[in-house]
Amino acid sequence: DIIFIKSKAQNNAVELLPIGALTE
């Protein structure tokens, strides 16, 4: 999920830092 989010935000002026869920 984290890899997916980061891939969606590539090549953008704004850097996206993903926060993962604490629990399932």
mmCIF file of all heavy atoms, coordinates in Angstrom:
data_MODEL
# 
_entry.id   MODEL 
# 
loop_
_atom_site.group_PDB 
_atom_site.id 
_atom_site.type_symbol 
_atom_site.label_atom_id 
_atom_site.label_alt_id 
_atom_site.label_comp_id 
_atom_site.label_asym_id 
_atom_site.label_entity_id 
_atom_site.label_seq_id 
_atom_site.pdbx_PDB_ins_code 
_atom_site.Cartn_x 
_atom_site.Cartn_y 
_atom_site.Cartn_z 
_atom_site.occupancy 
_atom_site.B_iso_or_equiv 
_atom_site.pdbx_formal_charge 
_atom_site.auth_seq_id 
_atom_site.auth_comp_id 
_atom_site.auth_asym_id 
_atom_site.auth_atom_id 
_atom_site.pdbx_PDB_model_num 
ATOM 1   N N   . ASP A 1 1  ? 0.833  -1.201 0.000   1.00 0.00 ? 1  ASP A N   1 
ATOM 2   C CA  . ASP A 1 1  ? 0.000  0.000  0.000   1.00 0.00 ? 1  ASP A CA  1 
ATOM 3   C C   . ASP A 1 1  ? 0.867  1.250  0.000   1.00 0.00 ? 1  ASP A C   1 
ATOM 4   O O   . ASP A 1 1  ? 0.581  2.229  -0.710  1.00 0.00 ? 1  ASP A O   1 
ATOM 5   C CB  . ASP A 1 1  ? -0.910 0.018  1.231   1.00 0.00 ? 1  ASP A CB  1 
ATOM 6   C CG  . ASP A 1 1  ? -1.972 -1.064 1.196   1.00 0.00 ? 1  ASP A CG  1 
ATOM 7   O OD1 . ASP A 1 1  ? -2.347 -1.503 0.091   1.00 0.00 ? 1  ASP A OD1 1 
ATOM 8   O OD2 . ASP A 1 1  ? -2.424 -1.480 2.282   1.00 0.00 ? 1  ASP A OD2 1 
ATOM 9   N N   . ILE A 1 2  ? 1.926  1.237  0.808   1.00 0.00 ? 2  ILE A N   1 
ATOM 10  C CA  . ILE A 1 2  ? 2.828  2.387  0.865   1.00 0.00 ? 2  ILE A CA  1 
ATOM 11  C C   . ILE A 1 2  ? 3.511  2.585  -0.485  1.00 0.00 ? 2  ILE A C   1 
ATOM 12  O O   . ILE A 1 2  ? 3.629  3.722  -0.978  1.00 0.00 ? 2  ILE A O   1 
ATOM 13  C CB  . ILE A 1 2  ? 3.884  2.205  1.975   1.00 0.00 ? 2  ILE A CB  1 
ATOM 14  C CG1 . ILE A 1 2  ? 3.212  2.120  3.348   1.00 0.00 ? 2  ILE A CG1 1 
ATOM 15  C CG2 . ILE A 1 2  ? 4.906  3.339  1.933   1.00 0.00 ? 2  ILE A CG2 1 
ATOM 16  C CD1 . ILE A 1 2  ? 2.476  3.364  3.771   1.00 0.00 ? 2  ILE A CD1 1 
ATOM 17  N N   . ILE A 1 3  ? 3.944  1.515  -1.098  1.00 0.00 ? 3  ILE A N   1 
ATOM 18  C CA  . ILE A 1 3  ? 4.587  1.596  -2.422  1.00 0.00 ? 3  ILE A CA  1 
ATOM 19  C C   . ILE A 1 3  ? 3.624  2.175  -3.445  1.00 0.00 ? 3  ILE A C   1 
ATOM 20  O O   . ILE A 1 3  ? 3.991  3.015  -4.276  1.00 0.00 ? 3  ILE A O   1 
ATOM 21  C CB  . ILE A 1 3  ? 5.091  0.206  -2.854  1.00 0.00 ? 3  ILE A CB  1 
ATOM 22  C CG1 . ILE A 1 3  ? 6.244  -0.234 -1.943  1.00 0.00 ? 3  ILE A CG1 1 
ATOM 23  C CG2 . ILE A 1 3  ? 5.528  0.211  -4.313  1.00 0.00 ? 3  ILE A CG2 1 
ATOM 24  C CD1 . ILE A 1 3  ? 6.684  -1.669 -2.160  1.00 0.00 ? 3  ILE A CD1 1 
ATOM 25  N N   . PHE A 1 4  ? 2.356  1.757  -3.388  1.00 0.00 ? 4  PHE A N   1 
ATOM 26  C CA  . PHE A 1 4  ? 1.342  2.279  -4.313  1.00 0.00 ? 4  PHE A CA  1 
ATOM 27  C C   . PHE A 1 4  ? 1.171  3.786  -4.140  1.00 0.00 ? 4  PHE A C   1 
ATOM 28  O O   . PHE A 1 4  ? 1.162  4.541  -5.126  1.00 0.00 ? 4  PHE A O   1 
ATOM 29  C CB  . PHE A 1 4  ? 0.001  1.573  -4.070  1.00 0.00 ? 4  PHE A CB  1 
ATOM 30  C CG  . PHE A 1 4  ? -1.165 2.234  -4.752  1.00 0.00 ? 4  PHE A CG  1 
ATOM 31  C CD1 . PHE A 1 4  ? -1.379 2.061  -6.115  1.00 0.00 ? 4  PHE A CD1 1 
ATOM 32  C CD2 . PHE A 1 4  ? -2.048 3.030  -4.036  1.00 0.00 ? 4  PHE A CD2 1 
ATOM 33  C CE1 . PHE A 1 4  ? -2.456 2.690  -6.752  1.00 0.00 ? 4  PHE A CE1 1 
ATOM 34  C CE2 . PHE A 1 4  ? -3.124 3.652  -4.652  1.00 0.00 ? 4  PHE A CE2 1 
ATOM 35  C CZ  . PHE A 1 4  ? -3.325 3.475  -6.016  1.00 0.00 ? 4  PHE A CZ  1 
ATOM 36  N N   . ILE A 1 5  ? 1.046  4.236  -2.903  1.00 0.00 ? 5  ILE A N   1 
ATOM 37  C CA  . ILE A 1 5  ? 0.845  5.661  -2.644  1.00 0.00 ? 5  ILE A CA  1 
ATOM 38  C C   . ILE A 1 5  ? 2.030  6.471  -3.148  1.00 0.00 ? 5  ILE A C   1 
ATOM 39  O O   . ILE A 1 5  ? 1.876  7.516  -3.801  1.00 0.00 ? 5  ILE A O   1 
ATOM 40  C CB  . ILE A 1 5  ? 0.635  5.907  -1.130  1.00 0.00 ? 5  ILE A CB  1 
ATOM 41  C CG1 . ILE A 1 5  ? -0.670 5.271  -0.656  1.00 0.00 ? 5  ILE A CG1 1 
ATOM 42  C CG2 . ILE A 1 5  ? 0.650  7.404  -0.825  1.00 0.00 ? 5  ILE A CG2 1 
ATOM 43  C CD1 . ILE A 1 5  ? -1.910 5.789  -1.327  1.00 0.00 ? 5  ILE A CD1 1 
ATOM 44  N N   . LYS A 1 6  ? 3.234  6.002  -2.876  1.00 0.00 ? 6  LYS A N   1 
ATOM 45  C CA  . LYS A 1 6  ? 4.419  6.725  -3.317  1.00 0.00 ? 6  LYS A CA  1 
ATOM 46  C C   . LYS A 1 6  ? 4.522  6.769  -4.836  1.00 0.00 ? 6  LYS A C   1 
ATOM 47  O O   . LYS A 1 6  ? 4.951  7.778  -5.413  1.00 0.00 ? 6  LYS A O   1 
ATOM 48  C CB  . LYS A 1 6  ? 5.675  6.094  -2.700  1.00 0.00 ? 6  LYS A CB  1 
ATOM 49  C CG  . LYS A 1 6  ? 5.810  6.338  -1.194  1.00 0.00 ? 6  LYS A CG  1 
ATOM 50  C CD  . LYS A 1 6  ? 7.041  5.670  -0.620  1.00 0.00 ? 6  LYS A CD  1 
ATOM 51  C CE  . LYS A 1 6  ? 8.318  6.330  -1.082  1.00 0.00 ? 6  LYS A CE  1 
ATOM 52  N NZ  . LYS A 1 6  ? 8.476  7.693  -0.503  1.00 0.00 ? 6  LYS A NZ  1 
ATOM 53  N N   . SER A 1 7  ? 4.125  5.685  -5.489  1.00 0.00 ? 7  SER A N   1 
ATOM 54  C CA  . SER A 1 7  ? 4.181  5.666  -6.955  1.00 0.00 ? 7  SER A CA  1 
ATOM 55  C C   . SER A 1 7  ? 3.192  6.658  -7.562  1.00 0.00 ? 7  SER A C   1 
ATOM 56  O O   . SER A 1 7  ? 3.471  7.270  -8.592  1.00 0.00 ? 7  SER A O   1 
ATOM 57  C CB  . SER A 1 7  ? 3.905  4.251  -7.472  1.00 0.00 ? 7  SER A CB  1 
ATOM 58  O OG  . SER A 1 7  ? 2.559  3.873  -7.242  1.00 0.00 ? 7  SER A OG  1 
ATOM 59  N N   . LYS A 1 8  ? 2.035  6.816  -6.929  1.00 0.00 ? 8  LYS A N   1 
ATOM 60  C CA  . LYS A 1 8  ? 1.027  7.754  -7.430  1.00 0.00 ? 8  LYS A CA  1 
ATOM 61  C C   . LYS A 1 8  ? 1.493  9.205  -7.298  1.00 0.00 ? 8  LYS A C   1 
ATOM 62  O O   . LYS A 1 8  ? 0.994  10.080 -8.023  1.00 0.00 ? 8  LYS A O   1 
ATOM 63  C CB  . LYS A 1 8  ? -0.285 7.578  -6.656  1.00 0.00 ? 8  LYS A CB  1 
ATOM 64  C CG  . LYS A 1 8  ? -1.015 6.277  -6.915  1.00 0.00 ? 8  LYS A CG  1 
ATOM 65  C CD  . LYS A 1 8  ? -1.692 6.261  -8.280  1.00 0.00 ? 8  LYS A CD  1 
ATOM 66  C CE  . LYS A 1 8  ? -2.843 7.219  -8.353  1.00 0.00 ? 8  LYS A CE  1 
ATOM 67  N NZ  . LYS A 1 8  ? -3.614 7.095  -9.610  1.00 0.00 ? 8  LYS A NZ  1 
ATOM 68  N N   . ALA A 1 9  ? 2.423  9.450  -6.386  1.00 0.00 ? 9  ALA A N   1 
ATOM 69  C CA  . ALA A 1 9  ? 2.856  10.821 -6.110  1.00 0.00 ? 9  ALA A CA  1 
ATOM 70  C C   . ALA A 1 9  ? 4.166  11.182 -6.798  1.00 0.00 ? 9  ALA A C   1 
ATOM 71  O O   . ALA A 1 9  ? 4.684  12.284 -6.591  1.00 0.00 ? 9  ALA A O   1 
ATOM 72  C CB  . ALA A 1 9  ? 2.992  11.024 -4.609  1.00 0.00 ? 9  ALA A CB  1 
ATOM 73  N N   . GLN A 1 10 ? 4.688  10.298 -7.622  1.00 0.00 ? 10 GLN A N   1 
ATOM 74  C CA  . GLN A 1 10 ? 5.967  10.557 -8.282  1.00 0.00 ? 10 GLN A CA  1 
ATOM 75  C C   . GLN A 1 10 ? 5.876  11.722 -9.259  1.00 0.00 ? 10 GLN A C   1 
ATOM 76  O O   . GLN A 1 10 ? 4.805  12.052 -9.766  1.00 0.00 ? 10 GLN A O   1 
ATOM 77  C CB  . GLN A 1 10 ? 6.443  9.304  -9.017  1.00 0.00 ? 10 GLN A CB  1 
ATOM 78  C CG  . GLN A 1 10 ? 6.991  8.218  -8.113  1.00 0.00 ? 10 GLN A CG  1 
ATOM 79  C CD  . GLN A 1 10 ? 7.500  7.022  -8.889  1.00 0.00 ? 10 GLN A CD  1 
ATOM 80  O OE1 . GLN A 1 10 ? 7.186  6.842  -10.067 1.00 0.00 ? 10 GLN A OE1 1 
ATOM 81  N NE2 . GLN A 1 10 ? 8.289  6.185  -8.239  1.00 0.00 ? 10 GLN A NE2 1 
ATOM 82  N N   . ASN A 1 11 ? 7.045  12.335 -9.520  1.00 0.00 ? 11 ASN A N   1 
ATOM 83  C CA  . ASN A 1 11 ? 7.171  13.398 -10.519 1.00 0.00 ? 11 ASN A CA  1 
ATOM 84  C C   . ASN A 1 11 ? 6.227  14.562 -10.243 1.00 0.00 ? 11 ASN A C   1 
ATOM 85  O O   . ASN A 1 11 ? 5.532  15.056 -11.149 1.00 0.00 ? 11 ASN A O   1 
ATOM 86  C CB  . ASN A 1 11 ? 6.933  12.841 -11.929 1.00 0.00 ? 11 ASN A CB  1 
ATOM 87  C CG  . ASN A 1 11 ? 7.902  11.740 -12.279 1.00 0.00 ? 11 ASN A CG  1 
ATOM 88  O OD1 . ASN A 1 11 ? 9.104  11.853 -12.019 1.00 0.00 ? 11 ASN A OD1 1 
ATOM 89  N ND2 . ASN A 1 11 ? 7.394  10.655 -12.852 1.00 0.00 ? 11 ASN A ND2 1 
ATOM 90  N N   . ASN A 1 12 ? 6.194  14.988 -8.997  1.00 0.00 ? 12 ASN A N   1 
ATOM 91  C CA  . ASN A 1 12 ? 5.313  16.074 -8.604  1.00 0.00 ? 12 ASN A CA  1 
ATOM 92  C C   . ASN A 1 12 ? 6.122  17.131 -7.871  1.00 0.00 ? 12 ASN A C   1 
ATOM 93  O O   . ASN A 1 12 ? 7.137  16.823 -7.237  1.00 0.00 ? 12 ASN A O   1 
ATOM 94  C CB  . ASN A 1 12 ? 4.204  15.522 -7.697  1.00 0.00 ? 12 ASN A CB  1 
ATOM 95  C CG  . ASN A 1 12 ? 2.994  16.424 -7.653  1.00 0.00 ? 12 ASN A CG  1 
ATOM 96  O OD1 . ASN A 1 12 ? 3.028  17.491 -7.052  1.00 0.00 ? 12 ASN A OD1 1 
ATOM 97  N ND2 . ASN A 1 12 ? 1.924  16.009 -8.301  1.00 0.00 ? 12 ASN A ND2 1 
ATOM 98  N N   . ALA A 1 13 ? 5.683  18.360 -7.948  1.00 0.00 ? 13 ALA A N   1 
ATOM 99  C CA  . ALA A 1 13 ? 6.366  19.430 -7.216  1.00 0.00 ? 13 ALA A CA  1 
ATOM 100 C C   . ALA A 1 13 ? 6.260  19.234 -5.711  1.00 0.00 ? 13 ALA A C   1 
ATOM 101 O O   . ALA A 1 13 ? 7.138  19.642 -4.957  1.00 0.00 ? 13 ALA A O   1 
ATOM 102 C CB  . ALA A 1 13 ? 5.782  20.786 -7.608  1.00 0.00 ? 13 ALA A CB  1 
ATOM 103 N N   . VAL A 1 14 ? 5.176  18.583 -5.273  1.00 0.00 ? 14 VAL A N   1 
ATOM 104 C CA  . VAL A 1 14 ? 4.940  18.363 -3.851  1.00 0.00 ? 14 VAL A CA  1 
ATOM 105 C C   . VAL A 1 14 ? 5.344  16.945 -3.470  1.00 0.00 ? 14 VAL A C   1 
ATOM 106 O O   . VAL A 1 14 ? 4.942  15.979 -4.124  1.00 0.00 ? 14 VAL A O   1 
ATOM 107 C CB  . VAL A 1 14 ? 3.454  18.592 -3.506  1.00 0.00 ? 14 VAL A CB  1 
ATOM 108 C CG1 . VAL A 1 14 ? 3.206  18.354 -2.017  1.00 0.00 ? 14 VAL A CG1 1 
ATOM 109 C CG2 . VAL A 1 14 ? 3.027  19.998 -3.895  1.00 0.00 ? 14 VAL A CG2 1 
ATOM 110 N N   . GLU A 1 15 ? 6.124  16.822 -2.415  1.00 0.00 ? 15 GLU A N   1 
ATOM 111 C CA  . GLU A 1 15 ? 6.508  15.511 -1.908  1.00 0.00 ? 15 GLU A CA  1 
ATOM 112 C C   . GLU A 1 15 ? 5.419  14.978 -0.987  1.00 0.00 ? 15 GLU A C   1 
ATOM 113 O O   . GLU A 1 15 ? 4.960  15.677 -0.079  1.00 0.00 ? 15 GLU A O   1 
ATOM 114 C CB  . GLU A 1 15 ? 7.827  15.604 -1.147  1.00 0.00 ? 15 GLU A CB  1 
ATOM 115 C CG  . GLU A 1 15 ? 8.311  14.269 -0.584  1.00 0.00 ? 15 GLU A CG  1 
ATOM 116 C CD  . GLU A 1 15 ? 9.563  14.392 0.252   1.00 0.00 ? 15 GLU A CD  1 
ATOM 117 O OE1 . GLU A 1 15 ? 9.907  15.522 0.657   1.00 0.00 ? 15 GLU A OE1 1 
ATOM 118 O OE2 . GLU A 1 15 ? 10.209 13.351 0.507   1.00 0.00 ? 15 GLU A OE2 1 
ATOM 119 N N   . LEU A 1 16 ? 5.002  13.740 -1.208  1.00 0.00 ? 16 LEU A N   1 
ATOM 120 C CA  . LEU A 1 16 ? 3.993  13.109 -0.364  1.00 0.00 ? 16 LEU A CA  1 
ATOM 121 C C   . LEU A 1 16 ? 4.656  12.104 0.561   1.00 0.00 ? 16 LEU A C   1 
ATOM 122 O O   . LEU A 1 16 ? 5.360  11.197 0.105   1.00 0.00 ? 16 LEU A O   1 
ATOM 123 C CB  . LEU A 1 16 ? 2.922  12.424 -1.217  1.00 0.00 ? 16 LEU A CB  1 
ATOM 124 C CG  . LEU A 1 16 ? 1.716  11.849 -0.463  1.00 0.00 ? 16 LEU A CG  1 
ATOM 125 C CD1 . LEU A 1 16 ? 0.476  11.851 -1.366  1.00 0.00 ? 16 LEU A CD1 1 
ATOM 126 C CD2 . LEU A 1 16 ? 1.965  10.419 0.016   1.00 0.00 ? 16 LEU A CD2 1 
ATOM 127 N N   . LEU A 1 17 ? 4.426  12.260 1.854   1.00 0.00 ? 17 LEU A N   1 
ATOM 128 C CA  . LEU A 1 17 ? 4.949  11.339 2.860   1.00 0.00 ? 17 LEU A CA  1 
ATOM 129 C C   . LEU A 1 17 ? 3.790  10.495 3.378   1.00 0.00 ? 17 LEU A C   1 
ATOM 130 O O   . LEU A 1 17 ? 2.880  11.021 4.019   1.00 0.00 ? 17 LEU A O   1 
ATOM 131 C CB  . LEU A 1 17 ? 5.588  12.104 4.019   1.00 0.00 ? 17 LEU A CB  1 
ATOM 132 C CG  . LEU A 1 17 ? 6.687  13.104 3.662   1.00 0.00 ? 17 LEU A CG  1 
ATOM 133 C CD1 . LEU A 1 17 ? 7.168  13.823 4.913   1.00 0.00 ? 17 LEU A CD1 1 
ATOM 134 C CD2 . LEU A 1 17 ? 7.843  12.424 2.947   1.00 0.00 ? 17 LEU A CD2 1 
ATOM 135 N N   . PRO A 1 18 ? 3.777  9.200  3.101   1.00 0.00 ? 18 PRO A N   1 
ATOM 136 C CA  . PRO A 1 18 ? 2.645  8.364  3.529   1.00 0.00 ? 18 PRO A CA  1 
ATOM 137 C C   . PRO A 1 18 ? 2.713  8.014  5.016   1.00 0.00 ? 18 PRO A C   1 
ATOM 138 O O   . PRO A 1 18 ? 3.771  7.677  5.544   1.00 0.00 ? 18 PRO A O   1 
ATOM 139 C CB  . PRO A 1 18 ? 2.766  7.110  2.663   1.00 0.00 ? 18 PRO A CB  1 
ATOM 140 C CG  . PRO A 1 18 ? 4.185  7.066  2.219   1.00 0.00 ? 18 PRO A CG  1 
ATOM 141 C CD  . PRO A 1 18 ? 4.738  8.451  2.276   1.00 0.00 ? 18 PRO A CD  1 
ATOM 142 N N   . ILE A 1 19 ? 1.566  8.115  5.677   1.00 0.00 ? 19 ILE A N   1 
ATOM 143 C CA  . ILE A 1 19 ? 1.413  7.663  7.055   1.00 0.00 ? 19 ILE A CA  1 
ATOM 144 C C   . ILE A 1 19 ? 0.594  6.374  7.025   1.00 0.00 ? 19 ILE A C   1 
ATOM 145 O O   . ILE A 1 19 ? -0.550 6.372  6.571   1.00 0.00 ? 19 ILE A O   1 
ATOM 146 C CB  . ILE A 1 19 ? 0.706  8.720  7.916   1.00 0.00 ? 19 ILE A CB  1 
ATOM 147 C CG1 . ILE A 1 19 ? 1.559  9.996  7.992   1.00 0.00 ? 19 ILE A CG1 1 
ATOM 148 C CG2 . ILE A 1 19 ? 0.424  8.184  9.317   1.00 0.00 ? 19 ILE A CG2 1 
ATOM 149 C CD1 . ILE A 1 19 ? 0.882  11.137 8.712   1.00 0.00 ? 19 ILE A CD1 1 
ATOM 150 N N   . GLY A 1 20 ? 1.187  5.279  7.462   1.00 0.00 ? 20 GLY A N   1 
ATOM 151 C CA  . GLY A 1 20 ? 0.496  3.999  7.450   1.00 0.00 ? 20 GLY A CA  1 
ATOM 152 C C   . GLY A 1 20 ? -0.432 3.847  8.642   1.00 0.00 ? 20 GLY A C   1 
ATOM 153 O O   . GLY A 1 20 ? -0.271 4.513  9.669   1.00 0.00 ? 20 GLY A O   1 
ATOM 154 N N   . ALA A 1 21 ? -1.404 2.971  8.500   1.00 0.00 ? 21 ALA A N   1 
ATOM 155 C CA  . ALA A 1 21 ? -2.301 2.678  9.622   1.00 0.00 ? 21 ALA A CA  1 
ATOM 156 C C   . ALA A 1 21 ? -1.519 2.018  10.751  1.00 0.00 ? 21 ALA A C   1 
ATOM 157 O O   . ALA A 1 21 ? -0.585 1.248  10.513  1.00 0.00 ? 21 ALA A O   1 
ATOM 158 C CB  . ALA A 1 21 ? -3.438 1.778  9.166   1.00 0.00 ? 21 ALA A CB  1 
ATOM 159 N N   . LEU A 1 22 ? -1.916 2.286  11.979  1.00 0.00 ? 22 LEU A N   1 
ATOM 160 C CA  . LEU A 1 22 ? -1.265 1.665  13.125  1.00 0.00 ? 22 LEU A CA  1 
ATOM 161 C C   . LEU A 1 22 ? -1.717 0.224  13.295  1.00 0.00 ? 22 LEU A C   1 
ATOM 162 O O   . LEU A 1 22 ? -0.916 -0.652 13.635  1.00 0.00 ? 22 LEU A O   1 
ATOM 163 C CB  . LEU A 1 22 ? -1.561 2.452  14.403  1.00 0.00 ? 22 LEU A CB  1 
ATOM 164 C CG  . LEU A 1 22 ? -0.910 1.920  15.676  1.00 0.00 ? 22 LEU A CG  1 
ATOM 165 C CD1 . LEU A 1 22 ? 0.606  2.082  15.616  1.00 0.00 ? 22 LEU A CD1 1 
ATOM 166 C CD2 . LEU A 1 22 ? -1.475 2.621  16.912  1.00 0.00 ? 22 LEU A CD2 1 
ATOM 167 N N   . THR A 1 23 ? -2.999 -0.029 13.027  1.00 0.00 ? 23 THR A N   1 
ATOM 168 C CA  . THR A 1 23 ? -3.537 -1.386 13.178  1.00 0.00 ? 23 THR A CA  1 
ATOM 169 C C   . THR A 1 23 ? -4.139 -1.860 11.869  1.00 0.00 ? 23 THR A C   1 
ATOM 170 O O   . THR A 1 23 ? -4.465 -1.057 10.990  1.00 0.00 ? 23 THR A O   1 
ATOM 171 C CB  . THR A 1 23 ? -4.613 -1.433 14.289  1.00 0.00 ? 23 THR A CB  1 
ATOM 172 O OG1 . THR A 1 23 ? -5.718 -0.593 13.920  1.00 0.00 ? 23 THR A OG1 1 
ATOM 173 C CG2 . THR A 1 23 ? -4.042 -0.964 15.614  1.00 0.00 ? 23 THR A CG2 1 
ATOM 174 N N   . GLU A 1 24 ? -4.274 -3.166 11.742  1.00 0.00 ? 24 GLU A N   1 
ATOM 175 C CA  . GLU A 1 24 ? -4.848 -3.736 10.526  1.00 0.00 ? 24 GLU A CA  1 
ATOM 176 C C   . GLU A 1 24 ? -6.243 -3.169 10.274  1.00 0.00 ? 24 GLU A C   1 
ATOM 177 O O   . GLU A 1 24 ? -7.110 -3.217 11.155  1.00 0.00 ? 24 GLU A O   1 
ATOM 178 C CB  . GLU A 1 24 ? -4.919 -5.261 10.648  1.00 0.00 ? 24 GLU A CB  1 
ATOM 179 C CG  . GLU A 1 24 ? -3.555 -5.930 10.719  1.00 0.00 ? 24 GLU A CG  1 
ATOM 180 C CD  . GLU A 1 24 ? -3.668 -7.426 10.925  1.00 0.00 ? 24 GLU A CD  1 
ATOM 181 O OE1 . GLU A 1 24 ? -4.805 -7.914 11.097  1.00 0.00 ? 24 GLU A OE1 1 
ATOM 182 O OE2 . GLU A 1 24 ? -2.618 -8.101 10.932  1.00 0.00 ? 24 GLU A OE2 1 
# 
